[in-house]
């Protein structure tokens, strides 16, 4: 059953008279009368408000990049338009027009919508739930968002699919091979195979082999940043630690900007199921958990810029820190929270780079699961992320070879995952082993792998097209360029040398502050951190109190 069939009343609630009266107090301007069939908002419109209908109706449709259109619903009196894009003024994913009798409606722009959600708890819960469910419905329903045209399984197409999926943007994929619709689109546009994949944005713009940044611009994912603004805090990284910082800092009135070059959720966002996170006894996917935090941060007014990364931190100025960005611009902040996490570690294998995205994967999302369904696969790694990936993939594949360097999993993996893997009949564990060589070419992709222990001569060769690597991560600290102290492994040190402001005020040392006053580090990138989602969230909450302390001390020193 579709989401509309099972949760339609929550997706499209009807507000009562008292709730409408509350809406009127938060409205961004006076009500407006629309003529019959008059457009109210269109796909791609930025800053399209949520319209609360007082009389008449608004007909809402979804439309994809090829112009294919399907009705979503007809909002009547007491109902409201919009989905989560409206929380941050991003491009609309749907279009609406007044019904045949016209309509009278009152608008809530992004700021007033957030004020309503926060200021009226019960009504805010109803509105927020509806906006989130509508985005989920757009993802599930088809005929909405971007259209991707390419060769199924090709690395650049998989990258785009992953980028859109992990950021919660609806899209449709059309195979360019054969004589179907994809081939017709390619021929009609006069394109070559080298131009693929295509991304046809919701507004009809066609991009050839777009980067993530180009795709993000076309979708209007980026907020309109005020480059002259001095933020109270800029958070670098939108994983669990960074999102927790954004939620707590923004909810306490600080101006917050979050940067991430890929997607919200970080490495945890790629986890198929997290079963030991407090409060979720049946488990939750990393993307679902991160998606809730992402929407929660937007609810409190945090600005989240994806895909946009920091390329350099200039912390020579004691009070104002400057960050250079990948788009060539820069931003300013009173404090910086380094929550950039870690990048996937790559084993030393001669031809590894040839197969990255073309047989080699560093995460196991539904995109990868569909590509290897019913096949024999291998997975390298013995930590919890590897275990979660095994449990997710095994029911979908013919056989899974788990390759681990240690003698067993006891020292590196949680007991519940070890027991779950032991119960999977199609998983074969290869202890004391590593990948020795890979077969294939750029044209064929991965075709096989040899793994085992060369010291004792026990090796295996398997014909397979998919190898998943979960062998840990390295700190993502290159962009810091000696601005803050790091340990021998490159992780950022905190709570150490320079506690000038804490000493000036007599407060306890700020344990998450680096050796640069006003620059903090949390989560996996921090030296000595516990590599768990719950620990990262805890540090994200704790750092906000320390930011408040720093800002208060800095203000006192300025006045002294």
Foldseek 3Di string as FASTA:
>chain_A
DAPCVVPVCLQWPFADPVVVVLLVVLFPDAKDWAAAFAWQFAFFFFQRFKKAFQAAWKWKWAAELVGDIDTDDIHGHRTIDAALSQLQRFGDFMIITTHRHTTIITTHGNVSLLCSLVVPPVVVVSVNSNRHSVLVNLQPPDRIWKEKEAAQLFLLSLQVVVLCVLASTHYHYDYCDDDDPSVVVCVVVVHDNQQDTWIRGRVNDIHGSDDQVVVCVSRRVFHDDDQVDAFQEEEEAQALLSLLLLLQQLLVPGAYEYEAQGHHHPQQQLQQWDCPDPPCPPTDRSSVVRVVSVSSSSSSPHGYGYNKGFQAWDQPDQQKIKTQIPVGGIHIYRFYEYAHAFAADDDDEPCVVLQDSFAEAAGAHVSNLVVAFAEEEEEEDQAASSLSNCLVNLVRYQAYEYEYLAPDNVVHYDPVSVVSNVPRPRYHYAYNKDWHHFDDGSVGHTQKTKMHHVVVPDIDIDGDRHYYYHHDGAAPCPRHPPVFDADPRQAFEFQDDDQPLCVVVVHDGLRQHTNRQRYGYAANSHPPFDNDSNSSSVNSNSVSVVSVSSVVSVVVVVVD
